[in-house]
Amino acid sequence: MAETDQNERTIKEVTVDGYNFNVDTDLLDDVEAFEYIDRIENKGQVAAIAPLLKFMVGDQGYADMKAHFTQADAEAHKDEPGYKGRFRIKKLQDVYLAVIEKFDPKG
């Protein structure tokens, strides 16, 4: 029962520009996550955000997120002929920061 309570406490709802998703912030306290975070924070490797998010929300969760932000980007540029929506790096960084903000190492 205590393990279930712990899991419930570490699952946080995160919202970025109207997109809601759940993430188990306890996964940030994992060696694999630490390696990604070290690459992001200490080595400036923004590209490590994508595999970190896949680790935290799963492949399907990441695919859903990517599809949402790609569609939102396409909608924002609908007046530009031939524009192809994309999951922009800035949005990826926004998601990363929102997830990190929910992490409570004391939890």
PDB file of N, CA and C in Angstrom:
ATOM      1  N   MET A   1       0.821  -1.197   0.000  1.00  0.00           N
ATOM      2  CA  MET A   1       0.000   0.000   0.000  1.00  0.00           C
ATOM      3  C   MET A   1       0.866   1.262   0.000  1.00  0.00           C
ATOM      4  N   ALA A   2       1.952   1.243   0.749  1.00  0.00           N
ATOM      5  CA  ALA A   2       2.811   2.427   0.804  1.00  0.00           C
ATOM      6  C   ALA A   2       3.430   2.710  -0.562  1.00  0.00           C
ATOM      7  N   GLU A   3       3.775   1.642  -1.306  1.00  0.00           N
ATOM      8  CA  GLU A   3       4.357   1.853  -2.629  1.00  0.00           C
ATOM      9  C   GLU A   3       3.347   2.515  -3.563  1.00  0.00           C
ATOM     10  N   THR A   4       2.087   2.092  -3.482  1.00  0.00           N
ATOM     11  CA  THR A   4       1.042   2.703  -4.303  1.00  0.00           C
ATOM     12  C   THR A   4       0.883   4.171  -3.940  1.00  0.00           C
ATOM     13  N   ASP A   5       0.865   4.482  -2.657  1.00  0.00           N
ATOM     14  CA  ASP A   5       0.762   5.883  -2.225  1.00  0.00           C
ATOM     15  C   ASP A   5       1.929   6.707  -2.757  1.00  0.00           C
ATOM     16  N   GLN A   6       3.135   6.138  -2.707  1.00  0.00           N
ATOM     17  CA  GLN A   6       4.322   6.833  -3.212  1.00  0.00           C
ATOM     18  C   GLN A   6       4.170   7.114  -4.697  1.00  0.00           C
ATOM     19  N   ASN A   7       3.723   6.100  -5.462  1.00  0.00           N
ATOM     20  CA  ASN A   7       3.555   6.284  -6.905  1.00  0.00           C
ATOM     21  C   ASN A   7       2.524   7.360  -7.192  1.00  0.00           C
ATOM     22  N   GLU A   8       1.443   7.387  -6.448  1.00  0.00           N
ATOM     23  CA  GLU A   8       0.412   8.398  -6.655  1.00  0.00           C
ATOM     24  C   GLU A   8       0.949   9.798  -6.368  1.00  0.00           C
ATOM     25  N   ARG A   9       1.834   9.917  -5.395  1.00  0.00           N
ATOM     26  CA  ARG A   9       2.400  11.229  -5.057  1.00  0.00           C
ATOM     27  C   ARG A   9       3.368  11.729  -6.114  1.00  0.00           C
ATOM     28  N   THR A  10       4.031  10.812  -6.826  1.00  0.00           N
ATOM     29  CA  THR A  10       5.045  11.242  -7.784  1.00  0.00           C
ATOM     30  C   THR A  10       4.488  11.399  -9.196  1.00  0.00           C
ATOM     31  N   ILE A  11       3.265  10.962  -9.436  1.00  0.00           N
ATOM     32  CA  ILE A  11       2.659  11.171 -10.752  1.00  0.00           C
ATOM     33  C   ILE A  11       2.037  12.556 -10.755  1.00  0.00           C
ATOM     34  N   LYS A  12       2.563  13.390 -11.622  1.00  0.00           N
ATOM     35  CA  LYS A  12       2.142  14.791 -11.672  1.00  0.00           C
ATOM     36  C   LYS A  12       1.528  15.093 -13.029  1.00  0.00           C
ATOM     37  N   GLU A  13       0.516  15.943 -13.015  1.00  0.00           N
ATOM     38  CA  GLU A  13      -0.034  16.434 -14.274  1.00  0.00           C
ATOM     39  C   GLU A  13       0.766  17.671 -14.665  1.00  0.00           C
ATOM     40  N   VAL A  14       1.191  17.697 -15.902  1.00  0.00           N
ATOM     41  CA  VAL A  14       1.976  18.800 -16.429  1.00  0.00           C
ATOM     42  C   VAL A  14       1.193  19.401 -17.599  1.00  0.00           C
ATOM     43  N   THR A  15       1.165  20.727 -17.649  1.00  0.00           N
ATOM     44  CA  THR A  15       0.486  21.420 -18.736  1.00  0.00           C
ATOM     45  C   THR A  15       1.463  22.384 -19.403  1.00  0.00           C
ATOM     46  N   VAL A  16       1.564  22.272 -20.709  1.00  0.00           N
ATOM     47  CA  VAL A  16       2.396  23.181 -21.504  1.00  0.00           C
ATOM     48  C   VAL A  16       1.542  23.665 -22.663  1.00  0.00           C
ATOM     49  N   ASP A  17       1.279  24.956 -22.690  1.00  0.00           N
ATOM     50  CA  ASP A  17       0.489  25.570 -23.758  1.00  0.00           C
ATOM     51  C   ASP A  17      -0.800  24.811 -24.045  1.00  0.00           C
ATOM     52  N   GLY A  18      -1.504  24.448 -22.979  1.00  0.00           N
ATOM     53  CA  GLY A  18      -2.793  23.788 -23.118  1.00  0.00           C
ATOM     54  C   GLY A  18      -2.728  22.283 -23.304  1.00  0.00           C
ATOM     55  N   TYR A  19      -1.559  21.722 -23.438  1.00  0.00           N
ATOM     56  CA  TYR A  19      -1.418  20.271 -23.577  1.00  0.00           C
ATOM     57  C   TYR A  19      -1.139  19.675 -22.208  1.00  0.00           C
ATOM     58  N   ASN A  20      -1.983  18.741 -21.780  1.00  0.00           N
ATOM     59  CA  ASN A  20      -1.843  18.092 -20.469  1.00  0.00           C
ATOM     60  C   ASN A  20      -1.299  16.679 -20.645  1.00  0.00           C
ATOM     61  N   PHE A  21      -0.376  16.307 -19.781  1.00  0.00           N
ATOM     62  CA  PHE A  21       0.114  14.930 -19.755  1.00  0.00           C
ATOM     63  C   PHE A  21       0.568  14.610 -18.341  1.00  0.00           C
ATOM     64  N   ASN A  22       0.594  13.324 -18.038  1.00  0.00           N
ATOM     65  CA  ASN A  22       1.042  12.876 -16.724  1.00  0.00           C
ATOM     66  C   ASN A  22       2.454  12.332 -16.824  1.00  0.00           C
ATOM     67  N   VAL A  23       3.216  12.592 -15.790  1.00  0.00           N
ATOM     68  CA  VAL A  23       4.589  12.107 -15.749  1.00  0.00           C
ATOM     69  C   VAL A  23       4.898  11.676 -14.317  1.00  0.00           C
ATOM     70  N   ASP A  24       5.594  10.565 -14.200  1.00  0.00           N
ATOM     71  CA  ASP A  24       6.036  10.106 -12.887  1.00  0.00           C
ATOM     72  C   ASP A  24       7.378  10.780 -12.610  1.00  0.00           C
ATOM     73  N   THR A  25       7.335  11.842 -11.808  1.00  0.00           N
ATOM     74  CA  THR A  25       8.561  12.617 -11.564  1.00  0.00           C
ATOM     75  C   THR A  25       9.603  11.822 -10.785  1.00  0.00           C
ATOM     76  N   ASP A  26       9.201  10.708 -10.178  1.00  0.00           N
ATOM     77  CA  ASP A  26      10.184   9.872  -9.494  1.00  0.00           C
ATOM     78  C   ASP A  26      11.208   9.308 -10.489  1.00  0.00           C
ATOM     79  N   LEU A  27      10.824   9.230 -11.763  1.00  0.00           N
ATOM     80  CA  LEU A  27      11.763   8.746 -12.778  1.00  0.00           C
ATOM     81  C   LEU A  27      12.952   9.692 -12.956  1.00  0.00           C
ATOM     82  N   LEU A  28      12.809  10.943 -12.513  1.00  0.00           N
ATOM     83  CA  LEU A  28      13.954  11.856 -12.573  1.00  0.00           C
ATOM     84  C   LEU A  28      15.053  11.426 -11.606  1.00  0.00           C
ATOM     85  N   ASP A  29      14.678  10.618 -10.607  1.00  0.00           N
ATOM     86  CA  ASP A  29      15.629  10.105  -9.630  1.00  0.00           C
ATOM     87  C   ASP A  29      16.089   8.717 -10.066  1.00  0.00           C
ATOM     88  N   ASP A  30      16.613   8.644 -11.270  1.00  0.00           N
ATOM     89  CA  ASP A  30      17.039   7.390 -11.877  1.00  0.00           C
ATOM     90  C   ASP A  30      18.351   7.658 -12.605  1.00  0.00           C
ATOM     91  N   VAL A  31      19.238   6.700 -12.613  1.00  0.00           N
ATOM     92  CA  VAL A  31      20.548   6.887 -13.239  1.00  0.00           C
ATOM     93  C   VAL A  31      20.406   7.221 -14.716  1.00  0.00           C
ATOM     94  N   GLU A  32      19.485   6.558 -15.418  1.00  0.00           N
ATOM     95  CA  GLU A  32      19.312   6.837 -16.840  1.00  0.00           C
ATOM     96  C   GLU A  32      18.878   8.289 -17.053  1.00  0.00           C
ATOM     97  N   ALA A  33      17.935   8.755 -16.251  1.00  0.00           N
ATOM     98  CA  ALA A  33      17.491  10.152 -16.351  1.00  0.00           C
ATOM     99  C   ALA A  33      18.643  11.092 -16.016  1.00  0.00           C
ATOM    100  N   PHE A  34      19.412  10.740 -15.005  1.00  0.00           N
ATOM    101  CA  PHE A  34      20.536  11.570 -14.589  1.00  0.00           C
ATOM    102  C   PHE A  34      21.520  11.780 -15.741  1.00  0.00           C
ATOM    103  N   GLU A  35      21.768  10.719 -16.494  1.00  0.00           N
ATOM    104  CA  GLU A  35      22.691  10.838 -17.628  1.00  0.00           C
ATOM    105  C   GLU A  35      22.161  11.826 -18.668  1.00  0.00           C
ATOM    106  N   TYR A  36      20.848  11.750 -18.949  1.00  0.00           N
ATOM    107  CA  TYR A  36      20.256  12.703 -19.896  1.00  0.00           C
ATOM    108  C   TYR A  36      20.322  14.124 -19.337  1.00  0.00           C
ATOM    109  N   ILE A  37      19.978  14.276 -18.072  1.00  0.00           N
ATOM    110  CA  ILE A  37      19.963  15.604 -17.454  1.00  0.00           C
ATOM    111  C   ILE A  37      21.368  16.196 -17.439  1.00  0.00           C
ATOM    112  N   ASP A  38      22.366  15.369 -17.162  1.00  0.00           N
ATOM    113  CA  ASP A  38      23.754  15.846 -17.195  1.00  0.00           C
ATOM    114  C   ASP A  38      24.105  16.357 -18.591  1.00  0.00           C
ATOM    115  N   ARG A  39      23.692  15.630 -19.615  1.00  0.00           N
ATOM    116  CA  ARG A  39      23.970  16.069 -20.988  1.00  0.00           C
ATOM    117  C   ARG A  39      23.263  17.392 -21.290  1.00  0.00           C
ATOM    118  N   ILE A  40      22.052  17.538 -20.798  1.00  0.00           N
ATOM    119  CA  ILE A  40      21.273  18.753 -21.059  1.00  0.00           C
ATOM    120  C   ILE A  40      21.838  19.938 -20.285  1.00  0.00           C
ATOM    121  N   GLU A  41      21.977  19.761 -18.986  1.00  0.00           N
ATOM    122  CA  GLU A  41      22.334  20.867 -18.102  1.00  0.00           C
ATOM    123  C   GLU A  41      23.822  21.219 -18.115  1.00  0.00           C
ATOM    124  N   ASN A  42      24.675  20.224 -18.163  1.00  0.00           N
ATOM    125  CA  ASN A  42      26.100  20.484 -18.014  1.00  0.00           C
ATOM    126  C   ASN A  42      26.871  20.513 -19.330  1.00  0.00           C
ATOM    127  N   LYS A  43      26.314  19.867 -20.345  1.00  0.00           N
ATOM    128  CA  LYS A  43      27.009  19.813 -21.628  1.00  0.00           C
ATOM    129  C   LYS A  43      26.271  20.571 -22.718  1.00  0.00           C
ATOM    130  N   GLY A  44      25.118  21.154 -22.381  1.00  0.00           N
ATOM    131  CA  GLY A  44      24.364  21.952 -23.339  1.00  0.00           C
ATOM    132  C   GLY A  44      23.779  21.156 -24.496  1.00  0.00           C
ATOM    133  N   GLN A  45      23.572  19.867 -24.308  1.00  0.00           N
ATOM    134  CA  GLN A  45      23.064  19.003 -25.372  1.00  0.00           C
ATOM    135  C   GLN A  45      21.530  18.938 -25.315  1.00  0.00           C
ATOM    136  N   VAL A  46      20.904  19.952 -25.877  1.00  0.00           N
ATOM    137  CA  VAL A  46      19.443  20.059 -25.869  1.00  0.00           C
ATOM    138  C   VAL A  46      18.803  18.827 -26.505  1.00  0.00           C
ATOM    139  N   ALA A  47      19.489  18.197 -27.438  1.00  0.00           N
ATOM    140  CA  ALA A  47      18.953  17.012 -28.114  1.00  0.00           C
ATOM    141  C   ALA A  47      18.671  15.869 -27.139  1.00  0.00           C
ATOM    142  N   ALA A  48      19.267  15.886 -25.964  1.00  0.00           N
ATOM    143  CA  ALA A  48      19.029  14.833 -24.976  1.00  0.00           C
ATOM    144  C   ALA A  48      17.655  14.955 -24.321  1.00  0.00           C
ATOM    145  N   ILE A  49      16.953  16.055 -24.552  1.00  0.00           N
ATOM    146  CA  ILE A  49      15.611  16.206 -23.985  1.00  0.00           C
ATOM    147  C   ILE A  49      14.664  15.173 -24.582  1.00  0.00           C
ATOM    148  N   ALA A  50      14.761  14.921 -25.876  1.00  0.00           N
ATOM    149  CA  ALA A  50      13.850  13.971 -26.530  1.00  0.00           C
ATOM    150  C   ALA A  50      13.946  12.571 -25.913  1.00  0.00           C
ATOM    151  N   PRO A  51      15.131  11.969 -25.784  1.00  0.00           N
ATOM    152  CA  PRO A  51      15.174  10.643 -25.171  1.00  0.00           C
ATOM    153  C   PRO A  51      14.787  10.661 -23.691  1.00  0.00           C
ATOM    154  N   LEU A  52      15.057  11.759 -22.995  1.00  0.00           N
ATOM    155  CA  LEU A  52      14.624  11.864 -21.601  1.00  0.00           C
ATOM    156  C   LEU A  52      13.099  11.823 -21.517  1.00  0.00           C
ATOM    157  N   LEU A  53      12.441  12.583 -22.382  1.00  0.00           N
ATOM    158  CA  LEU A  53      10.984  12.579 -22.369  1.00  0.00           C
ATOM    159  C   LEU A  53      10.426  11.216 -22.760  1.00  0.00           C
ATOM    160  N   LYS A  54      11.043  10.563 -23.730  1.00  0.00           N
ATOM    161  CA  LYS A  54      10.606   9.216 -24.107  1.00  0.00           C
ATOM    162  C   LYS A  54      10.757   8.265 -22.923  1.00  0.00           C
ATOM    163  N   PHE A  55      11.843   8.408 -22.174  1.00  0.00           N
ATOM    164  CA  PHE A  55      12.062   7.598 -20.985  1.00  0.00           C
ATOM    165  C   PHE A  55      10.964   7.854 -19.948  1.00  0.00           C
ATOM    166  N   MET A  56      10.553   9.106 -19.831  1.00  0.00           N
ATOM    167  CA  MET A  56       9.612   9.483 -18.773  1.00  0.00           C
ATOM    168  C   MET A  56       8.143   9.261 -19.133  1.00  0.00           C
ATOM    169  N   VAL A  57       7.773   9.462 -20.384  1.00  0.00           N
ATOM    170  CA  VAL A  57       6.359   9.329 -20.762  1.00  0.00           C
ATOM    171  C   VAL A  57       6.118   8.168 -21.721  1.00  0.00           C
ATOM    172  N   GLY A  58       7.165   7.485 -22.112  1.00  0.00           N
ATOM    173  CA  GLY A  58       7.034   6.346 -23.025  1.00  0.00           C
ATOM    174  C   GLY A  58       6.986   6.804 -24.471  1.00  0.00           C
ATOM    175  N   ASP A  59       7.193   5.846 -25.356  1.00  0.00           N
ATOM    176  CA  ASP A  59       7.216   6.159 -26.779  1.00  0.00           C
ATOM    177  C   ASP A  59       5.876   6.702 -27.256  1.00  0.00           C
ATOM    178  N   GLN A  60       4.769   6.086 -26.801  1.00  0.00           N
ATOM    179  CA  GLN A  60       3.458   6.553 -27.237  1.00  0.00           C
ATOM    180  C   GLN A  60       3.146   7.929 -26.667  1.00  0.00           C
ATOM    181  N   GLY A  61       3.487   8.163 -25.404  1.00  0.00           N
ATOM    182  CA  GLY A  61       3.265   9.477 -24.803  1.00  0.00           C
ATOM    183  C   GLY A  61       4.039  10.564 -25.533  1.00  0.00           C
ATOM    184  N   TYR A  62       5.266  10.240 -25.911  1.00  0.00           N
ATOM    185  CA  TYR A  62       6.080  11.199 -26.661  1.00  0.00           C
ATOM    186  C   TYR A  62       5.503  11.425 -28.054  1.00  0.00           C
ATOM    187  N   ALA A  63       5.063  10.349 -28.689  1.00  0.00           N
ATOM    188  CA  ALA A  63       4.464  10.472 -30.031  1.00  0.00           C
ATOM    189  C   ALA A  63       3.203  11.330 -29.981  1.00  0.00           C
ATOM    190  N   ASP A  64       2.391  11.137 -28.942  1.00  0.00           N
ATOM    191  CA  ASP A  64       1.174  11.950 -28.782  1.00  0.00           C
ATOM    192  C   ASP A  64       1.524  13.424 -28.576  1.00  0.00           C
ATOM    193  N   MET A  65       2.526  13.663 -27.746  1.00  0.00           N
ATOM    194  CA  MET A  65       2.973  15.034 -27.472  1.00  0.00           C
ATOM    195  C   MET A  65       3.495  15.686 -28.755  1.00  0.00           C
ATOM    196  N   LYS A  66       4.325  14.962 -29.473  1.00  0.00           N
ATOM    197  CA  LYS A  66       4.888  15.474 -30.721  1.00  0.00           C
ATOM    198  C   LYS A  66       3.777  15.798 -31.718  1.00  0.00           C
ATOM    199  N   ALA A  67       2.809  14.906 -31.829  1.00  0.00           N
ATOM    200  CA  ALA A  67       1.692  15.128 -32.755  1.00  0.00           C
ATOM    201  C   ALA A  67       0.899  16.369 -32.364  1.00  0.00           C
ATOM    202  N   HIS A  68       0.663  16.541 -31.069  1.00  0.00           N
ATOM    203  CA  HIS A  68      -0.091  17.714 -30.603  1.00  0.00           C
ATOM    204  C   HIS A  68       0.640  19.010 -30.957  1.00  0.00           C
ATOM    205  N   PHE A  69       1.912  19.094 -30.601  1.00  0.00           N
ATOM    206  CA  PHE A  69       2.646  20.336 -30.828  1.00  0.00           C
ATOM    207  C   PHE A  69       2.935  20.575 -32.315  1.00  0.00           C
ATOM    208  N   THR A  70       3.071  19.509 -33.081  1.00  0.00           N
ATOM    209  CA  THR A  70       3.231  19.648 -34.525  1.00  0.00           C
ATOM    210  C   THR A  70       1.967  20.234 -35.136  1.00  0.00           C
ATOM    211  N   GLN A  71       0.811  19.701 -34.704  1.00  0.00           N
ATOM    212  CA  GLN A  71      -0.465  20.213 -35.204  1.00  0.00           C
ATOM    213  C   GLN A  71      -0.678  21.667 -34.768  1.00  0.00           C
ATOM    214  N   ALA A  72      -0.341  21.982 -33.527  1.00  0.00           N
ATOM    215  CA  ALA A  72      -0.497  23.356 -33.037  1.00  0.00           C
ATOM    216  C   ALA A  72       0.394  24.314 -33.826  1.00  0.00           C
ATOM    217  N   ASP A  73       1.609  23.873 -34.152  1.00  0.00           N
ATOM    218  CA  ASP A  73       2.516  24.704 -34.946  1.00  0.00           C
ATOM    219  C   ASP A  73       1.963  24.903 -36.357  1.00  0.00           C
ATOM    220  N   ALA A  74       1.427  23.840 -36.948  1.00  0.00           N
ATOM    221  CA  ALA A  74       0.834  23.950 -38.288  1.00  0.00           C
ATOM    222  C   ALA A  74      -0.351  24.912 -38.266  1.00  0.00           C
ATOM    223  N   GLU A  75      -1.151  24.840 -37.227  1.00  0.00           N
ATOM    224  CA  GLU A  75      -2.315  25.728 -37.097  1.00  0.00           C
ATOM    225  C   GLU A  75      -1.866  27.186 -36.949  1.00  0.00           C
ATOM    226  N   ALA A  76      -0.809  27.394 -36.192  1.00  0.00           N
ATOM    227  CA  ALA A  76      -0.309  28.759 -35.990  1.00  0.00           C
ATOM    228  C   ALA A  76       0.237  29.370 -37.287  1.00  0.00           C
ATOM    229  N   HIS A  77       0.615  28.527 -38.224  1.00  0.00           N
ATOM    230  CA  HIS A  77       1.187  28.994 -39.492  1.00  0.00           C
ATOM    231  C   HIS A  77       0.295  28.642 -40.681  1.00  0.00           C
ATOM    232  N   LYS A  78      -0.978  28.472 -40.433  1.00  0.00           N
ATOM    233  CA  LYS A  78      -1.898  28.019 -41.486  1.00  0.00           C
ATOM    234  C   LYS A  78      -1.988  28.976 -42.675  1.00  0.00           C
ATOM    235  N   ASP A  79      -1.634  30.217 -42.466  1.00  0.00           N
ATOM    236  CA  ASP A  79      -1.704  31.194 -43.560  1.00  0.00           C
ATOM    237  C   ASP A  79      -0.457  31.188 -44.445  1.00  0.00           C
ATOM    238  N   GLU A  80       0.494  30.342 -44.113  1.00  0.00           N
ATOM    239  CA  GLU A  80       1.726  30.247 -44.901  1.00  0.00           C
ATOM    240  C   GLU A  80       1.631  29.035 -45.829  1.00  0.00           C
ATOM    241  N   PRO A  81       1.466  29.263 -47.123  1.00  0.00           N
ATOM    242  CA  PRO A  81       1.314  28.143 -48.062  1.00  0.00           C
ATOM    243  C   PRO A  81       2.475  27.151 -47.981  1.00  0.00           C
ATOM    244  N   GLY A  82       2.134  25.878 -47.935  1.00  0.00           N
ATOM    245  CA  GLY A  82       3.148  24.826 -47.930  1.00  0.00           C
ATOM    246  C   GLY A  82       3.859  24.616 -46.607  1.00  0.00           C
ATOM    247  N   TYR A  83       3.447  25.345 -45.569  1.00  0.00           N
ATOM    248  CA  TYR A  83       4.127  25.218 -44.277  1.00  0.00           C
ATOM    249  C   TYR A  83       3.846  23.846 -43.673  1.00  0.00           C
ATOM    250  N   LYS A  84       4.862  23.194 -43.180  1.00  0.00           N
ATOM    251  CA  LYS A  84       4.726  21.893 -42.526  1.00  0.00           C
ATOM    252  C   LYS A  84       4.984  22.087 -41.035  1.00  0.00           C
ATOM    253  N   GLY A  85       3.974  21.762 -40.232  1.00  0.00           N
ATOM    254  CA  GLY A  85       4.114  21.907 -38.783  1.00  0.00           C
ATOM    255  C   GLY A  85       5.236  21.048 -38.237  1.00  0.00           C
ATOM    256  N   ARG A  86       5.804  21.494 -37.120  1.00  0.00           N
ATOM    257  CA  ARG A  86       6.881  20.741 -36.492  1.00  0.00           C
ATOM    258  C   ARG A  86       6.846  20.893 -34.973  1.00  0.00           C
ATOM    259  N   PHE A  87       7.462  19.966 -34.321  1.00  0.00           N
ATOM    260  CA  PHE A  87       7.637  20.014 -32.864  1.00  0.00           C
ATOM    261  C   PHE A  87       8.941  20.769 -32.667  1.00  0.00           C
ATOM    262  N   ARG A  88       8.810  22.033 -32.374  1.00  0.00           N
ATOM    263  CA  ARG A  88       9.969  22.920 -32.321  1.00  0.00           C
ATOM    264  C   ARG A  88      10.817  22.708 -31.061  1.00  0.00           C
ATOM    265  N   ILE A  89      12.098  22.988 -31.185  1.00  0.00           N
ATOM    266  CA  ILE A  89      13.032  22.832 -30.075  1.00  0.00           C
ATOM    267  C   ILE A  89      12.605  23.681 -28.879  1.00  0.00           C
ATOM    268  N   LYS A  90      12.149  24.885 -29.129  1.00  0.00           N
ATOM    269  CA  LYS A  90      11.703  25.758 -28.028  1.00  0.00           C
ATOM    270  C   LYS A  90      10.577  25.101 -27.245  1.00  0.00           C
ATOM    271  N   LYS A  91       9.643  24.457 -27.944  1.00  0.00           N
ATOM    272  CA  LYS A  91       8.528  23.790 -27.266  1.00  0.00           C
ATOM    273  C   LYS A  91       9.046  22.592 -26.473  1.00  0.00           C
ATOM    274  N   LEU A  92      10.001  21.854 -27.048  1.00  0.00           N
ATOM    275  CA  LEU A  92      10.618  20.730 -26.359  1.00  0.00           C
ATOM    276  C   LEU A  92      11.271  21.202 -25.058  1.00  0.00           C
ATOM    277  N   GLN A  93      11.953  22.334 -25.120  1.00  0.00           N
ATOM    278  CA  GLN A  93      12.569  22.903 -23.917  1.00  0.00           C
ATOM    279  C   GLN A  93      11.501  23.316 -22.898  1.00  0.00           C
ATOM    280  N   ASP A  94      10.399  23.887 -23.374  1.00  0.00           N
ATOM    281  CA  ASP A  94       9.306  24.270 -22.470  1.00  0.00           C
ATOM    282  C   ASP A  94       8.761  23.054 -21.730  1.00  0.00           C
ATOM    283  N   VAL A  95       8.609  21.938 -22.452  1.00  0.00           N
ATOM    284  CA  VAL A  95       8.114  20.706 -21.831  1.00  0.00           C
ATOM    285  C   VAL A  95       9.114  20.223 -20.783  1.00  0.00           C
ATOM    286  N   TYR A  96      10.379  20.212 -21.136  1.00  0.00           N
ATOM    287  CA  TYR A  96      11.428  19.784 -20.203  1.00  0.00           C
ATOM    288  C   TYR A  96      11.400  20.619 -18.923  1.00  0.00           C
ATOM    289  N   LEU A  97      11.348  21.922 -19.069  1.00  0.00           N
ATOM    290  CA  LEU A  97      11.337  22.807 -17.893  1.00  0.00           C
ATOM    291  C   LEU A  97      10.087  22.594 -17.044  1.00  0.00           C
ATOM    292  N   ALA A  98       8.958  22.347 -17.684  1.00  0.00           N
ATOM    293  CA  ALA A  98       7.719  22.105 -16.941  1.00  0.00           C
ATOM    294  C   ALA A  98       7.809  20.809 -16.143  1.00  0.00           C
ATOM    295  N   VAL A  99       8.431  19.790 -16.713  1.00  0.00           N
ATOM    296  CA  VAL A  99       8.596  18.516 -16.006  1.00  0.00           C
ATOM    297  C   VAL A  99       9.549  18.699 -14.832  1.00  0.00           C
ATOM    298  N   ILE A 100      10.678  19.343 -15.062  1.00  0.00           N
ATOM    299  CA  ILE A 100      11.666  19.568 -13.999  1.00  0.00           C
ATOM    300  C   ILE A 100      11.049  20.369 -12.853  1.00  0.00           C
ATOM    301  N   GLU A 101      10.212  21.334 -13.198  1.00  0.00           N
ATOM    302  CA  GLU A 101       9.567  22.171 -12.179  1.00  0.00           C
ATOM    303  C   GLU A 101       8.696  21.339 -11.237  1.00  0.00           C
ATOM    304  N   LYS A 102       8.135  20.244 -11.719  1.00  0.00           N
ATOM    305  CA  LYS A 102       7.250  19.383 -10.907  1.00  0.00           C
ATOM    306  C   LYS A 102       8.022  18.418 -10.004  1.00  0.00           C
ATOM    307  N   PHE A 103       9.320  18.283 -10.223  1.00  0.00           N
ATOM    308  CA  PHE A 103      10.118  17.336  -9.447  1.00  0.00           C
ATOM    309  C   PHE A 103      10.293  17.827  -8.023  1.00  0.00           C
ATOM    310  N   ASP A 104       9.963  16.968  -7.076  1.00  0.00           N
ATOM    311  CA  ASP A 104      10.137  17.273  -5.658  1.00  0.00           C
ATOM    312  C   ASP A 104      11.009  16.174  -5.061  1.00  0.00           C
ATOM    313  N   PRO A 105      12.306  16.424  -4.947  1.00  0.00           N
ATOM    314  CA  PRO A 105      13.203  15.369  -4.466  1.00  0.00           C
ATOM    315  C   PRO A 105      12.902  14.922  -3.039  1.00  0.00           C
ATOM    316  N   LYS A 106      12.152  15.712  -2.295  1.00  0.00           N
ATOM    317  CA  LYS A 106      11.807  15.317  -0.921  1.00  0.00           C
ATOM    318  C   LYS A 106      10.628  14.359  -0.905  1.00  0.00           C
ATOM    319  N   GLY A 107       9.842  14.328  -2.025  1.00  0.00           N
ATOM    320  CA  GLY A 107       8.631  13.525  -2.102  1.00  0.00           C
ATOM    321  C   GLY A 107       8.928  12.099  -2.023  1.00  0.00           C
TER     322      GLY A 107
END
